[in-house]
Amino acid sequence: MSGTRIMRLTPALVAHCHRKVETNADQSKYDYYTDADYDRAIEYVLGGRPAGALWLFAYGSLIWKPEFEALETRRATAQGWHRAFSLLIHNYRGSPEQPGYMMCLDRGGSCEGVAMRFGEDDLRKNLVTLLFREIGSDEALESVRWIDVATSEGPLQALAFYADANELDNYVADRPPAEVAKGLARACGHWGSGADYLYNTVSHLEALGIQDDYLWTLQELVAREIEAL
C-alpha cells in the first residue's frame, strides 16, 4: 500500500495568492440569465433525466463545496472524459487584469470523481442552487450533460457541469500545463484564488484516494510559480 503523497502546493503558498477583489461589474456575456431563464433551464435538465434516482458527478469544487446535502455518495469513474482547465475566466477566481482558468470535463481518457445522490423532496430547490452557481447562459447550459459513470455498485447516469464546453468562446482544449499554472498562480477574484481552487481539489481527491496525474503536475508547477513570485 503506497503512502500518502505530500503536495508541493501548501496552504502557506496558497495564502500568498489571496487578495481582496471586488465583484467584477462587467460580467461575462455568458452571465445574462434571469429567474425565468433558470426555470427554463431546470425543465431542460429534467427533460433528459434518466429513470431512477438523480445523481450528480462531481469532479472539482462540487466535491468539496457541493451546495446541497447528498443522500449518498460513491466513488465513480467517467470513461471518455478527463479534467482540464479549459475555460479562461475574468471573474469569480480571476479578473480582467489577471484572468484565471476554470476546470471542465473534456472528451477522452477517464476521470475519477464522486457521484452524489439528490433527495427527491428538495430536488428542484437544490437544482436551482446548482444551476445558479454554475451557469448563466444558454451556451453554458449546452455543457450540462447526463454522462455514464461506473461505480462499485453498478453503472449510473449522472449530471455533469461543463462537460465539453466548446460552445463558449473562452474555451480552448489542451491548454499547456505551464500556461495554466502561470494563470492559477496569479489569478484571484471575489470567490478566491486559482491556487486555492487547485489546492482544495487536489487535497480532497487525495483524501478520497483518487490520484489525478494532470492535477498533481499542475500543483507542482503552481507551487514553483508562487515561489518564484
Protein backbone atom coordinates (compact mmCIF):
# COMPACT_ATOMS: atom_id res chain seq x y z
CA MET A 1 0.00 0.00 0.00
CA SER A 2 1.51 3.32 -1.05
CA GLY A 3 1.90 6.14 1.47
CA THR A 4 0.20 9.49 1.36
CA ARG A 5 1.76 11.84 -1.17
CA ILE A 6 2.97 15.21 0.05
CA MET A 7 1.73 18.13 -2.04
CA ARG A 8 4.25 20.76 -3.12
CA LEU A 9 1.43 23.32 -3.13
CA THR A 10 0.81 24.17 0.54
CA PRO A 11 -1.72 26.36 2.39
CA ALA A 12 1.12 28.79 3.11
CA LEU A 13 1.88 29.17 -0.58
CA VAL A 14 -1.81 29.47 -1.42
CA ALA A 15 -2.14 32.27 1.16
CA HIS A 16 0.33 34.36 -0.86
CA CYS A 17 -2.19 34.43 -3.72
CA HIS A 18 -5.10 35.80 -1.72
CA ARG A 19 -6.15 39.42 -2.07
CA LYS A 20 -9.43 41.23 -1.70
CA VAL A 21 -11.10 41.64 -5.08
CA GLU A 22 -14.45 43.35 -5.59
CA THR A 23 -17.10 41.70 -7.74
CA ASN A 24 -16.42 42.49 -11.36
CA ALA A 25 -19.20 44.82 -12.51
CA ASP A 26 -18.58 43.96 -16.16
CA GLN A 27 -19.98 40.46 -16.03
CA SER A 28 -19.26 37.98 -18.78
CA LYS A 29 -21.61 37.86 -21.73
CA TYR A 30 -22.31 34.33 -20.51
CA ASP A 31 -23.96 35.65 -17.30
CA TYR A 32 -27.24 37.03 -18.61
CA TYR A 33 -29.80 34.57 -17.23
CA THR A 34 -32.92 35.84 -15.45
CA ASP A 35 -35.07 33.90 -12.98
CA ALA A 36 -37.31 32.84 -15.85
CA ASP A 37 -34.28 31.51 -17.72
CA TYR A 38 -33.31 29.36 -14.74
CA ASP A 39 -36.85 27.96 -14.60
CA ARG A 40 -36.48 27.02 -18.25
CA ALA A 41 -33.03 25.54 -17.62
CA ILE A 42 -34.38 23.25 -14.90
CA GLU A 43 -37.02 21.91 -17.26
CA TYR A 44 -34.33 21.36 -19.90
CA VAL A 45 -32.17 19.40 -17.46
CA LEU A 46 -35.01 17.35 -16.03
CA GLY A 47 -36.33 16.65 -19.52
CA GLY A 48 -33.34 14.37 -20.10
CA ARG A 49 -33.41 12.79 -16.66
CA PRO A 50 -32.85 9.02 -16.66
CA ALA A 51 -35.12 6.70 -14.72
CA GLY A 52 -34.43 6.25 -11.03
CA ALA A 53 -32.57 8.44 -8.56
CA LEU A 54 -30.93 11.64 -9.75
CA TRP A 55 -27.13 11.66 -9.40
CA LEU A 56 -24.53 14.40 -9.85
CA PHE A 57 -20.97 13.66 -10.98
CA ALA A 58 -18.59 15.91 -9.04
CA TYR A 59 -15.04 16.21 -10.31
CA GLY A 60 -13.86 19.61 -9.00
CA SER A 61 -15.18 22.12 -6.49
CA LEU A 62 -18.51 20.31 -6.16
CA ILE A 63 -16.59 17.59 -4.30
CA TRP A 64 -15.61 19.97 -1.52
CA LYS A 65 -18.37 22.55 -1.85
CA PRO A 66 -21.45 20.76 -3.20
CA GLU A 67 -24.12 23.30 -2.13
CA PHE A 68 -26.52 20.51 -1.15
CA GLU A 69 -26.59 17.55 1.22
CA ALA A 70 -26.26 14.33 -0.74
CA LEU A 71 -28.25 11.35 0.47
CA GLU A 72 -25.49 9.04 -0.75
CA THR A 73 -22.01 9.38 -2.26
CA ARG A 74 -19.99 6.88 -4.27
CA ARG A 75 -16.61 6.99 -5.94
CA ALA A 76 -17.28 6.98 -9.64
CA THR A 77 -15.35 6.89 -12.91
CA ALA A 78 -16.42 8.66 -16.08
CA GLN A 79 -14.87 6.88 -19.06
CA GLY A 80 -14.30 9.06 -22.10
CA TRP A 81 -13.79 12.23 -20.04
CA HIS A 82 -10.87 13.90 -18.28
CA ARG A 83 -10.27 17.01 -16.16
CA ALA A 84 -8.79 20.05 -17.89
CA PHE A 85 -8.53 23.76 -17.12
CA SER A 86 -10.07 24.70 -20.46
CA LEU A 87 -12.07 27.85 -19.62
CA LEU A 88 -10.45 31.27 -19.34
CA ILE A 89 -12.29 33.34 -16.71
CA HIS A 90 -12.30 37.07 -15.95
CA ASN A 91 -14.30 36.95 -12.73
CA TYR A 92 -15.07 34.64 -9.78
CA ARG A 93 -11.49 33.30 -9.47
CA GLY A 94 -9.97 35.71 -11.96
CA SER A 95 -10.20 39.32 -13.05
CA PRO A 96 -9.98 41.33 -16.28
CA GLU A 97 -6.47 42.38 -15.26
CA GLN A 98 -5.38 38.82 -14.48
CA PRO A 99 -7.60 36.12 -15.97
CA GLY A 100 -7.69 32.69 -14.41
CA TYR A 101 -8.82 29.24 -15.51
CA MET A 102 -11.77 27.02 -14.65
CA MET A 103 -11.83 23.25 -14.81
CA CYS A 104 -14.05 21.34 -17.22
CA LEU A 105 -14.60 17.79 -18.34
CA ASP A 106 -13.03 17.38 -21.76
CA ARG A 107 -13.50 14.40 -24.00
CA GLY A 108 -11.08 11.48 -23.90
CA GLY A 109 -9.40 9.44 -21.21
CA SER A 110 -11.08 8.82 -17.87
CA CYS A 111 -11.92 10.79 -14.75
CA GLU A 112 -12.40 9.55 -11.20
CA GLY A 113 -14.69 11.63 -9.03
CA VAL A 114 -17.70 11.36 -6.75
CA ALA A 115 -21.32 10.54 -7.60
CA MET A 116 -23.78 12.30 -5.29
CA ARG A 117 -27.44 11.33 -4.99
CA PHE A 118 -30.10 14.02 -4.69
CA GLY A 119 -33.10 13.68 -2.40
CA GLU A 120 -36.43 13.91 -4.19
CA ASP A 121 -38.10 16.16 -1.58
CA ASP A 122 -35.85 19.15 -2.24
CA LEU A 123 -34.68 18.19 -5.72
CA ARG A 124 -35.84 21.29 -7.61
CA LYS A 125 -34.59 23.65 -4.89
CA ASN A 126 -31.14 22.07 -4.96
CA LEU A 127 -31.03 22.09 -8.76
CA VAL A 128 -31.88 25.79 -8.79
CA THR A 129 -28.99 26.44 -6.39
CA LEU A 130 -26.57 24.45 -8.53
CA LEU A 131 -27.66 25.96 -11.83
CA PHE A 132 -27.47 29.47 -10.39
CA ARG A 133 -23.94 28.80 -9.17
CA GLU A 134 -22.66 27.00 -12.25
CA ILE A 135 -24.24 28.53 -15.35
CA GLY A 136 -25.61 31.83 -16.61
CA SER A 137 -26.35 31.38 -20.30
CA ASP A 138 -27.64 29.02 -22.97
CA GLU A 139 -24.06 28.46 -24.15
CA ALA A 140 -23.10 27.23 -20.68
CA LEU A 141 -26.30 25.17 -20.42
CA GLU A 142 -25.20 23.26 -23.54
CA SER A 143 -22.37 21.77 -21.46
CA VAL A 144 -24.71 20.41 -18.75
CA ARG A 145 -24.96 16.76 -19.72
CA TRP A 146 -26.06 13.35 -18.48
CA ILE A 147 -22.99 11.13 -18.65
CA ASP A 148 -22.34 7.46 -17.93
CA VAL A 149 -20.28 6.71 -14.82
CA ALA A 150 -19.16 3.43 -13.29
CA THR A 151 -19.28 2.70 -9.56
CA SER A 152 -18.53 -0.37 -7.46
CA GLU A 153 -22.29 -0.80 -7.07
CA GLY A 154 -23.04 -0.62 -10.77
CA PRO A 155 -23.31 1.91 -13.63
CA LEU A 156 -25.17 5.20 -13.31
CA GLN A 157 -26.15 8.14 -15.44
CA ALA A 158 -25.19 11.34 -13.65
CA LEU A 159 -25.50 15.05 -14.28
CA ALA A 160 -22.22 16.80 -15.11
CA PHE A 161 -21.47 20.50 -15.48
CA TYR A 162 -19.08 21.91 -18.09
CA ALA A 163 -18.72 18.64 -19.97
CA ASP A 164 -17.44 19.53 -23.45
CA ALA A 165 -17.98 23.28 -23.05
CA ASN A 166 -16.98 24.09 -26.62
CA GLU A 167 -19.95 26.41 -27.17
CA LEU A 168 -18.15 29.01 -25.03
CA ASP A 169 -15.62 31.10 -26.90
CA ASN A 170 -13.37 31.29 -23.82
CA TYR A 171 -12.97 27.51 -24.08
CA VAL A 172 -9.74 26.13 -25.52
CA ALA A 173 -8.88 22.43 -25.29
CA ASP A 174 -5.39 21.14 -24.49
CA ARG A 175 -4.03 24.28 -22.87
CA PRO A 176 -0.35 23.67 -21.95
CA PRO A 177 0.05 22.95 -18.21
CA ALA A 178 2.72 25.66 -17.91
CA GLU A 179 0.28 28.26 -19.26
CA VAL A 180 -2.44 27.14 -16.87
CA ALA A 181 -0.05 27.13 -13.91
CA LYS A 182 1.00 30.72 -14.55
CA GLY A 183 -2.62 31.83 -14.56
CA LEU A 184 -3.62 29.85 -11.47
CA ALA A 185 -0.64 31.17 -9.51
CA ARG A 186 -1.55 34.79 -10.25
CA ALA A 187 -5.33 34.97 -10.65
CA CYS A 188 -7.70 35.93 -7.85
CA GLY A 189 -11.33 37.07 -7.87
CA HIS A 190 -14.11 37.68 -5.39
CA TRP A 191 -14.54 33.90 -4.94
CA GLY A 192 -10.84 33.41 -4.14
CA SER A 193 -7.68 32.48 -5.98
CA GLY A 194 -6.97 29.91 -8.64
CA ALA A 195 -4.29 28.38 -6.42
CA ASP A 196 -6.84 27.88 -3.63
CA TYR A 197 -9.24 26.17 -6.05
CA LEU A 198 -6.49 23.81 -7.22
CA TYR A 199 -5.25 23.09 -3.69
CA ASN A 200 -8.72 22.22 -2.41
CA THR A 201 -9.50 19.99 -5.36
CA VAL A 202 -6.24 18.03 -5.23
CA SER A 203 -6.19 17.68 -1.44
CA HIS A 204 -9.78 16.43 -1.32
CA LEU A 205 -9.17 13.97 -4.15
CA GLU A 206 -6.07 12.66 -2.37
CA ALA A 207 -8.07 12.24 0.84
CA LEU A 208 -10.51 10.08 -1.13
CA GLY A 209 -7.65 8.02 -2.56
CA ILE A 210 -8.15 9.49 -6.03
CA GLN A 211 -4.95 10.41 -7.83
CA ASP A 212 -5.12 12.58 -10.93
CA ASP A 213 -1.73 12.89 -12.67
CA TYR A 214 -2.71 16.07 -14.53
CA LEU A 215 -3.72 17.90 -11.35
CA TRP A 216 -0.71 16.56 -9.46
CA THR A 217 1.60 18.00 -12.11
CA LEU A 218 -0.28 21.31 -12.00
CA GLN A 219 0.01 21.68 -8.22
CA GLU A 220 3.77 21.22 -8.54
CA LEU A 221 4.00 23.81 -11.31
CA VAL A 222 1.76 26.30 -9.46
CA ALA A 223 3.85 25.92 -6.31
CA ARG A 224 7.00 26.72 -8.29
CA GLU A 225 5.34 29.77 -9.85
CA ILE A 226 4.30 31.13 -6.46
CA GLU A 227 7.75 30.53 -5.01
CA ALA A 228 9.30 32.40 -7.94
CA LEU A 229 6.89 35.30 -7.48
